[in-house]
Protein backbone atom coordinates (compact mmCIF):
# COMPACT_ATOMS: atom_id res chain seq x y z
CA UNK A 1 0.00 0.00 0.00
CA UNK A 2 2.85 2.40 0.74
CA UNK A 3 4.24 1.79 -2.75
CA UNK A 4 0.95 2.86 -4.34
CA UNK A 5 0.90 6.07 -2.30
CA UNK A 6 4.46 6.86 -3.38
CA UNK A 7 3.65 6.14 -7.00
CA UNK A 8 0.60 8.41 -6.90
CA UNK A 9 2.66 11.27 -5.51
CA UNK A 10 5.39 10.77 -8.10
CA UNK A 11 2.82 10.98 -10.90
CA UNK A 12 1.71 14.43 -9.76
CA UNK A 13 5.15 15.90 -9.13
CA UNK A 14 7.08 17.07 -12.16
CA UNK A 15 4.24 17.35 -14.67
CA UNK A 16 3.21 20.35 -16.75
CA UNK A 17 -0.06 21.11 -18.48
CA UNK A 18 0.74 22.83 -21.78
CA UNK A 19 -2.09 24.48 -23.75
CA UNK A 20 -1.73 25.93 -27.23
CA UNK A 21 -3.07 29.50 -27.31
CA UNK A 22 -1.63 30.77 -30.59
CA UNK A 23 -1.56 29.74 -34.22
CA UNK A 24 1.66 28.65 -35.94
CA UNK A 25 0.48 30.29 -39.18
CA UNK A 26 3.11 32.78 -40.29
CA UNK A 27 5.70 31.42 -37.83
CA UNK A 28 8.98 29.73 -38.65
CA UNK A 29 8.79 26.08 -39.68
CA UNK A 30 10.76 24.92 -36.64
CA UNK A 31 8.17 26.48 -34.30
CA UNK A 32 5.39 24.53 -36.02
CA UNK A 33 7.49 21.36 -35.70
CA UNK A 34 8.05 22.07 -32.00
CA UNK A 35 4.30 22.35 -31.37
CA UNK A 36 3.80 19.01 -33.11
CA UNK A 37 6.60 17.54 -31.00
CA UNK A 38 4.75 18.69 -27.88
CA UNK A 39 1.60 16.96 -29.16
CA UNK A 40 -0.21 20.20 -29.99
CA UNK A 41 -1.69 21.15 -33.34
CA UNK A 42 -4.90 23.06 -32.62
CA UNK A 43 -5.65 26.08 -30.47
CA UNK A 44 -6.94 25.23 -26.96
CA UNK A 45 -5.61 21.67 -27.16
CA UNK A 46 -3.77 20.63 -23.97
CA UNK A 47 -1.25 17.98 -23.07
CA UNK A 48 0.16 16.92 -19.72
CA UNK A 49 3.87 16.18 -20.07
CA UNK A 50 6.76 15.31 -17.78
CA UNK A 51 8.73 18.31 -16.54
CA UNK A 52 12.08 17.54 -18.19
CA UNK A 53 14.82 19.73 -19.62
CA UNK A 54 13.84 18.72 -23.16
CA UNK A 55 10.20 19.70 -22.67
CA UNK A 56 11.18 22.98 -21.01
CA UNK A 57 13.46 23.79 -23.95
CA UNK A 58 10.65 23.12 -26.42
CA UNK A 59 8.25 25.27 -24.39
CA UNK A 60 10.77 28.10 -24.28
CA UNK A 61 11.05 28.02 -28.06
CA UNK A 62 7.28 28.49 -28.51
CA UNK A 63 6.49 30.35 -25.29
CA UNK A 64 4.48 32.94 -27.23
CA UNK A 65 2.16 30.21 -28.56
CA UNK A 66 1.54 28.19 -25.38
CA UNK A 67 0.37 28.56 -21.78
CA UNK A 68 2.13 26.45 -19.15
CA UNK A 69 0.75 25.55 -15.73
CA UNK A 70 1.40 22.80 -13.19
CA UNK A 71 -0.67 19.68 -13.82
CA UNK A 72 -3.44 19.21 -11.29
PDB file of N, CA and C in Angstrom:
ATOM      1  N   UNK A   1       0.824  -1.196   0.000  1.00  0.00           N
ATOM      2  CA  UNK A   1       0.000   0.000   0.000  1.00  0.00           C
ATOM      3  C   UNK A   1       0.866   1.257   0.000  1.00  0.00           C
ATOM      4  N   UNK A   2       1.971   1.235   0.706  1.00  0.00           N
ATOM      5  CA  UNK A   2       2.854   2.396   0.742  1.00  0.00           C
ATOM      6  C   UNK A   2       3.442   2.672  -0.638  1.00  0.00           C
ATOM      7  N   UNK A   3       3.700   1.608  -1.405  1.00  0.00           N
ATOM      8  CA  UNK A   3       4.242   1.789  -2.749  1.00  0.00           C
ATOM      9  C   UNK A   3       3.253   2.527  -3.640  1.00  0.00           C
ATOM     10  N   UNK A   4       1.966   2.185  -3.533  1.00  0.00           N
ATOM     11  CA  UNK A   4       0.950   2.857  -4.336  1.00  0.00           C
ATOM     12  C   UNK A   4       0.869   4.338  -3.997  1.00  0.00           C
ATOM     13  N   UNK A   5       0.969   4.668  -2.720  1.00  0.00           N
ATOM     14  CA  UNK A   5       0.905   6.066  -2.303  1.00  0.00           C
ATOM     15  C   UNK A   5       2.096   6.835  -2.861  1.00  0.00           C
ATOM     16  N   UNK A   6       3.284   6.212  -2.821  1.00  0.00           N
ATOM     17  CA  UNK A   6       4.461   6.861  -3.381  1.00  0.00           C
ATOM     18  C   UNK A   6       4.300   7.062  -4.881  1.00  0.00           C
ATOM     19  N   UNK A   7       3.818   6.050  -5.549  1.00  0.00           N
ATOM     20  CA  UNK A   7       3.654   6.139  -6.998  1.00  0.00           C
ATOM     21  C   UNK A   7       2.670   7.245  -7.372  1.00  0.00           C
ATOM     22  N   UNK A   8       1.584   7.367  -6.638  1.00  0.00           N
ATOM     23  CA  UNK A   8       0.602   8.411  -6.898  1.00  0.00           C
ATOM     24  C   UNK A   8       1.190   9.802  -6.739  1.00  0.00           C
ATOM     25  N   UNK A   9       2.010   9.977  -5.725  1.00  0.00           N
ATOM     26  CA  UNK A   9       2.663  11.266  -5.505  1.00  0.00           C
ATOM     27  C   UNK A   9       3.654  11.557  -6.625  1.00  0.00           C
ATOM     28  N   UNK A  10       4.387  10.573  -7.054  1.00  0.00           N
ATOM     29  CA  UNK A  10       5.390  10.766  -8.103  1.00  0.00           C
ATOM     30  C   UNK A  10       4.728  11.142  -9.425  1.00  0.00           C
ATOM     31  N   UNK A  11       3.529  10.640  -9.665  1.00  0.00           N
ATOM     32  CA  UNK A  11       2.825  10.976 -10.903  1.00  0.00           C
ATOM     33  C   UNK A  11       2.432  12.445 -10.937  1.00  0.00           C
ATOM     34  N   UNK A  12       2.155  13.037  -9.795  1.00  0.00           N
ATOM     35  CA  UNK A  12       1.710  14.426  -9.758  1.00  0.00           C
ATOM     36  C   UNK A  12       2.876  15.409  -9.761  1.00  0.00           C
ATOM     37  N   UNK A  13       3.994  15.014  -9.211  1.00  0.00           N
ATOM     38  CA  UNK A  13       5.150  15.898  -9.131  1.00  0.00           C
ATOM     39  C   UNK A  13       5.895  15.854 -10.452  1.00  0.00           C
ATOM     40  N   UNK A  14       6.277  17.032 -10.956  1.00  0.00           N
ATOM     41  CA  UNK A  14       7.079  17.074 -12.158  1.00  0.00           C
ATOM     42  C   UNK A  14       6.292  16.934 -13.442  1.00  0.00           C
ATOM     43  N   UNK A  15       5.046  17.407 -13.460  1.00  0.00           N
ATOM     44  CA  UNK A  15       4.236  17.351 -14.673  1.00  0.00           C
ATOM     45  C   UNK A  15       3.743  18.750 -14.995  1.00  0.00           C
ATOM     46  N   UNK A  16       3.664  19.040 -16.282  1.00  0.00           N
ATOM     47  CA  UNK A  16       3.214  20.347 -16.748  1.00  0.00           C
ATOM     48  C   UNK A  16       2.020  20.178 -17.670  1.00  0.00           C
ATOM     49  N   UNK A  17       1.059  21.070 -17.541  1.00  0.00           N
ATOM     50  CA  UNK A  17      -0.056  21.114 -18.476  1.00  0.00           C
ATOM     51  C   UNK A  17       0.246  22.236 -19.466  1.00  0.00           C
ATOM     52  N   UNK A  18       0.382  21.874 -20.740  1.00  0.00           N
ATOM     53  CA  UNK A  18       0.739  22.827 -21.779  1.00  0.00           C
ATOM     54  C   UNK A  18      -0.456  22.962 -22.715  1.00  0.00           C
ATOM     55  N   UNK A  19      -0.928  24.192 -22.912  1.00  0.00           N
ATOM     56  CA  UNK A  19      -2.094  24.475 -23.748  1.00  0.00           C
ATOM     57  C   UNK A  19      -1.674  25.415 -24.866  1.00  0.00           C
ATOM     58  N   UNK A  20      -2.038  25.070 -26.090  1.00  0.00           N
ATOM     59  CA  UNK A  20      -1.731  25.935 -27.228  1.00  0.00           C
ATOM     60  C   UNK A  20      -2.720  27.088 -27.252  1.00  0.00           C
ATOM     61  N   UNK A  21      -2.203  28.323 -27.298  1.00  0.00           N
ATOM     62  CA  UNK A  21      -3.074  29.497 -27.307  1.00  0.00           C
ATOM     63  C   UNK A  21      -2.878  30.344 -28.559  1.00  0.00           C
ATOM     64  N   UNK A  22      -1.900  29.995 -29.383  1.00  0.00           N
ATOM     65  CA  UNK A  22      -1.634  30.774 -30.590  1.00  0.00           C
ATOM     66  C   UNK A  22      -1.481  29.878 -31.797  1.00  0.00           C
ATOM     67  N   UNK A  23      -1.653  30.474 -32.968  1.00  0.00           N
ATOM     68  CA  UNK A  23      -1.556  29.739 -34.215  1.00  0.00           C
ATOM     69  C   UNK A  23      -0.129  29.767 -34.757  1.00  0.00           C
ATOM     70  N   UNK A  24       0.332  28.662 -35.336  1.00  0.00           N
ATOM     71  CA  UNK A  24       1.657  28.650 -35.942  1.00  0.00           C
ATOM     72  C   UNK A  24       1.672  29.253 -37.354  1.00  0.00           C
ATOM     73  N   UNK A  25       0.536  29.701 -37.841  1.00  0.00           N
ATOM     74  CA  UNK A  25       0.483  30.294 -39.178  1.00  0.00           C
ATOM     75  C   UNK A  25       1.349  31.547 -39.193  1.00  0.00           C
ATOM     76  N   UNK A  26       2.223  31.638 -40.158  1.00  0.00           N
ATOM     77  CA  UNK A  26       3.106  32.778 -40.286  1.00  0.00           C
ATOM     78  C   UNK A  26       4.341  32.700 -39.407  1.00  0.00           C
ATOM     79  N   UNK A  27       4.522  31.611 -38.693  1.00  0.00           N
ATOM     80  CA  UNK A  27       5.699  31.420 -37.833  1.00  0.00           C
ATOM     81  C   UNK A  27       6.725  30.567 -38.580  1.00  0.00           C
ATOM     82  N   UNK A  28       7.928  30.547 -38.043  1.00  0.00           N
ATOM     83  CA  UNK A  28       8.982  29.730 -38.647  1.00  0.00           C
ATOM     84  C   UNK A  28       8.595  28.253 -38.598  1.00  0.00           C
ATOM     85  N   UNK A  29       9.114  27.508 -39.562  1.00  0.00           N
ATOM     86  CA  UNK A  29       8.789  26.083 -39.684  1.00  0.00           C
ATOM     87  C   UNK A  29       9.182  25.310 -38.423  1.00  0.00           C
ATOM     88  N   UNK A  30      10.311  25.653 -37.820  1.00  0.00           N
ATOM     89  CA  UNK A  30      10.758  24.918 -36.642  1.00  0.00           C
ATOM     90  C   UNK A  30       9.826  25.117 -35.450  1.00  0.00           C
ATOM     91  N   UNK A  31       9.131  26.268 -35.383  1.00  0.00           N
ATOM     92  CA  UNK A  31       8.170  26.478 -34.300  1.00  0.00           C
ATOM     93  C   UNK A  31       6.945  25.588 -34.495  1.00  0.00           C
ATOM     94  N   UNK A  32       6.513  25.439 -35.725  1.00  0.00           N
ATOM     95  CA  UNK A  32       5.394  24.531 -36.016  1.00  0.00           C
ATOM     96  C   UNK A  32       5.774  23.093 -35.650  1.00  0.00           C
ATOM     97  N   UNK A  33       7.005  22.708 -36.014  1.00  0.00           N
ATOM     98  CA  UNK A  33       7.491  21.361 -35.697  1.00  0.00           C
ATOM     99  C   UNK A  33       7.575  21.147 -34.183  1.00  0.00           C
ATOM    100  N   UNK A  34       7.961  22.174 -33.452  1.00  0.00           N
ATOM    101  CA  UNK A  34       8.052  22.071 -31.998  1.00  0.00           C
ATOM    102  C   UNK A  34       6.675  21.852 -31.379  1.00  0.00           C
ATOM    103  N   UNK A  35       5.670  22.566 -31.870  1.00  0.00           N
ATOM    104  CA  UNK A  35       4.300  22.349 -31.368  1.00  0.00           C
ATOM    105  C   UNK A  35       3.865  20.912 -31.620  1.00  0.00           C
ATOM    106  N   UNK A  36       4.158  20.397 -32.797  1.00  0.00           N
ATOM    107  CA  UNK A  36       3.798  19.011 -33.111  1.00  0.00           C
ATOM    108  C   UNK A  36       4.542  18.061 -32.178  1.00  0.00           C
ATOM    109  N   UNK A  37       5.815  18.361 -31.908  1.00  0.00           N
ATOM    110  CA  UNK A  37       6.596  17.538 -30.996  1.00  0.00           C
ATOM    111  C   UNK A  37       6.034  17.526 -29.581  1.00  0.00           C
ATOM    112  N   UNK A  38       5.398  18.619 -29.193  1.00  0.00           N
ATOM    113  CA  UNK A  38       4.747  18.688 -27.878  1.00  0.00           C
ATOM    114  C   UNK A  38       3.375  18.015 -27.883  1.00  0.00           C
ATOM    115  N   UNK A  39       2.910  17.609 -29.057  1.00  0.00           N
ATOM    116  CA  UNK A  39       1.601  16.964 -29.157  1.00  0.00           C
ATOM    117  C   UNK A  39       0.476  17.956 -29.343  1.00  0.00           C
ATOM    118  N   UNK A  40       0.797  19.155 -29.801  1.00  0.00           N
ATOM    119  CA  UNK A  40      -0.209  20.198 -29.994  1.00  0.00           C
ATOM    120  C   UNK A  40      -0.320  20.512 -31.481  1.00  0.00           C
ATOM    121  N   UNK A  41      -1.533  20.731 -31.959  1.00  0.00           N
ATOM    122  CA  UNK A  41      -1.695  21.153 -33.344  1.00  0.00           C
ATOM    123  C   UNK A  41      -2.963  21.968 -33.562  1.00  0.00           C
ATOM    124  N   UNK A  42      -3.693  22.233 -32.512  1.00  0.00           N
ATOM    125  CA  UNK A  42      -4.898  23.059 -32.617  1.00  0.00           C
ATOM    126  C   UNK A  42      -4.985  23.955 -31.390  1.00  0.00           C
ATOM    127  N   UNK A  43      -5.507  25.141 -31.573  1.00  0.00           N
ATOM    128  CA  UNK A  43      -5.646  26.080 -30.470  1.00  0.00           C
ATOM    129  C   UNK A  43      -6.579  25.492 -29.410  1.00  0.00           C
ATOM    130  N   UNK A  44      -6.233  25.716 -28.159  1.00  0.00           N
ATOM    131  CA  UNK A  44      -6.943  25.230 -26.964  1.00  0.00           C
ATOM    132  C   UNK A  44      -6.760  23.742 -26.708  1.00  0.00           C
ATOM    133  N   UNK A  45      -5.916  23.075 -27.443  1.00  0.00           N
ATOM    134  CA  UNK A  45      -5.607  21.674 -27.159  1.00  0.00           C
ATOM    135  C   UNK A  45      -4.550  21.634 -26.063  1.00  0.00           C
ATOM    136  N   UNK A  46      -4.697  20.723 -25.110  1.00  0.00           N
ATOM    137  CA  UNK A  46      -3.775  20.627 -23.971  1.00  0.00           C
ATOM    138  C   UNK A  46      -3.140  19.254 -23.907  1.00  0.00           C
ATOM    139  N   UNK A  47      -1.961  19.219 -23.336  1.00  0.00           N
ATOM    140  CA  UNK A  47      -1.250  17.976 -23.071  1.00  0.00           C
ATOM    141  C   UNK A  47      -0.612  18.084 -21.697  1.00  0.00           C
ATOM    142  N   UNK A  48      -0.550  16.984 -20.988  1.00  0.00           N
ATOM    143  CA  UNK A  48       0.160  16.917 -19.716  1.00  0.00           C
ATOM    144  C   UNK A  48       1.432  16.125 -19.985  1.00  0.00           C
ATOM    145  N   UNK A  49       2.575  16.779 -19.766  1.00  0.00           N
ATOM    146  CA  UNK A  49       3.867  16.180 -20.071  1.00  0.00           C
ATOM    147  C   UNK A  49       4.773  16.210 -18.853  1.00  0.00           C
ATOM    148  N   UNK A  50       5.763  15.321 -18.848  1.00  0.00           N
ATOM    149  CA  UNK A  50       6.765  15.307 -17.783  1.00  0.00           C
ATOM    150  C   UNK A  50       7.556  16.606 -17.816  1.00  0.00           C
ATOM    151  N   UNK A  51       7.928  17.088 -16.652  1.00  0.00           N
ATOM    152  CA  UNK A  51       8.727  18.310 -16.541  1.00  0.00           C
ATOM    153  C   UNK A  51      10.203  17.936 -16.676  1.00  0.00           C
ATOM    154  N   UNK A  52      10.680  17.875 -17.927  1.00  0.00           N
ATOM    155  CA  UNK A  52      12.076  17.543 -18.194  1.00  0.00           C
ATOM    156  C   UNK A  52      12.747  18.726 -18.873  1.00  0.00           C
ATOM    157  N   UNK A  53      14.061  18.660 -18.965  1.00  0.00           N
ATOM    158  CA  UNK A  53      14.817  19.727 -19.620  1.00  0.00           C
ATOM    159  C   UNK A  53      14.438  19.830 -21.095  1.00  0.00           C
ATOM    160  N   UNK A  54      14.199  18.706 -21.744  1.00  0.00           N
ATOM    161  CA  UNK A  54      13.835  18.716 -23.157  1.00  0.00           C
ATOM    162  C   UNK A  54      12.494  19.404 -23.379  1.00  0.00           C
ATOM    163  N   UNK A  55      11.521  19.082 -22.548  1.00  0.00           N
ATOM    164  CA  UNK A  55      10.195  19.699 -22.675  1.00  0.00           C
ATOM    165  C   UNK A  55      10.284  21.188 -22.370  1.00  0.00           C
ATOM    166  N   UNK A  56      11.033  21.551 -21.344  1.00  0.00           N
ATOM    167  CA  UNK A  56      11.178  22.979 -21.008  1.00  0.00           C
ATOM    168  C   UNK A  56      11.839  23.748 -22.150  1.00  0.00           C
ATOM    169  N   UNK A  57      12.822  23.147 -22.813  1.00  0.00           N
ATOM    170  CA  UNK A  57      13.464  23.793 -23.951  1.00  0.00           C
ATOM    171  C   UNK A  57      12.503  23.997 -25.102  1.00  0.00           C
ATOM    172  N   UNK A  58      11.651  23.001 -25.356  1.00  0.00           N
ATOM    173  CA  UNK A  58      10.653  23.119 -26.416  1.00  0.00           C
ATOM    174  C   UNK A  58       9.642  24.205 -26.079  1.00  0.00           C
ATOM    175  N   UNK A  59       9.217  24.252 -24.824  1.00  0.00           N
ATOM    176  CA  UNK A  59       8.253  25.265 -24.391  1.00  0.00           C
ATOM    177  C   UNK A  59       8.854  26.661 -24.520  1.00  0.00           C
ATOM    178  N   UNK A  60      10.121  26.804 -24.174  1.00  0.00           N
ATOM    179  CA  UNK A  60      10.775  28.103 -24.279  1.00  0.00           C
ATOM    180  C   UNK A  60      10.810  28.586 -25.730  1.00  0.00           C
ATOM    181  N   UNK A  61      10.972  27.668 -26.647  1.00  0.00           N
ATOM    182  CA  UNK A  61      11.048  28.016 -28.064  1.00  0.00           C
ATOM    183  C   UNK A  61       9.718  28.549 -28.594  1.00  0.00           C
ATOM    184  N   UNK A  62       8.612  28.064 -28.043  1.00  0.00           N
ATOM    185  CA  UNK A  62       7.284  28.490 -28.514  1.00  0.00           C
ATOM    186  C   UNK A  62       6.478  29.123 -27.384  1.00  0.00           C
ATOM    187  N   UNK A  63       7.163  29.795 -26.466  1.00  0.00           N
ATOM    188  CA  UNK A  63       6.493  30.347 -25.287  1.00  0.00           C
ATOM    189  C   UNK A  63       5.399  31.347 -25.637  1.00  0.00           C
ATOM    190  N   UNK A  64       5.491  31.975 -26.803  1.00  0.00           N
ATOM    191  CA  UNK A  64       4.485  32.945 -27.232  1.00  0.00           C
ATOM    192  C   UNK A  64       3.238  32.268 -27.798  1.00  0.00           C
ATOM    193  N   UNK A  65       3.292  30.947 -27.987  1.00  0.00           N
ATOM    194  CA  UNK A  65       2.157  30.212 -28.557  1.00  0.00           C
ATOM    195  C   UNK A  65       1.492  29.269 -27.556  1.00  0.00           C
ATOM    196  N   UNK A  66       2.070  29.134 -26.361  1.00  0.00           N
ATOM    197  CA  UNK A  66       1.543  28.192 -25.381  1.00  0.00           C
ATOM    198  C   UNK A  66       1.384  28.831 -24.010  1.00  0.00           C
ATOM    199  N   UNK A  67       0.544  28.188 -23.200  1.00  0.00           N
ATOM    200  CA  UNK A  67       0.371  28.563 -21.785  1.00  0.00           C
ATOM    201  C   UNK A  67       0.788  27.345 -20.980  1.00  0.00           C
ATOM    202  N   UNK A  68       1.611  27.559 -19.958  1.00  0.00           N
ATOM    203  CA  UNK A  68       2.127  26.454 -19.153  1.00  0.00           C
ATOM    204  C   UNK A  68       1.650  26.632 -17.726  1.00  0.00           C
ATOM    205  N   UNK A  69       1.172  25.546 -17.130  1.00  0.00           N
ATOM    206  CA  UNK A  69       0.747  25.553 -15.735  1.00  0.00           C
ATOM    207  C   UNK A  69       1.038  24.185 -15.131  1.00  0.00           C
ATOM    208  N   UNK A  70       1.183  24.103 -13.814  1.00  0.00           N
ATOM    209  CA  UNK A  70       1.401  22.799 -13.187  1.00  0.00           C
ATOM    210  C   UNK A  70       0.184  21.903 -13.409  1.00  0.00           C
ATOM    211  N   UNK A  71       0.427  20.633 -13.638  1.00  0.00           N
ATOM    212  CA  UNK A  71      -0.667  19.679 -13.817  1.00  0.00           C
ATOM    213  C   UNK A  71      -1.355  19.440 -12.490  1.00  0.00           C
ATOM    214  N   UNK A  72      -2.674  19.417 -12.520  1.00  0.00           N
ATOM    215  CA  UNK A  72      -3.439  19.210 -11.293  1.00  0.00           C
ATOM    216  C   UNK A  72      -3.745  17.757 -11.066  1.00  0.00           C
TER     217      UNK A  72
END
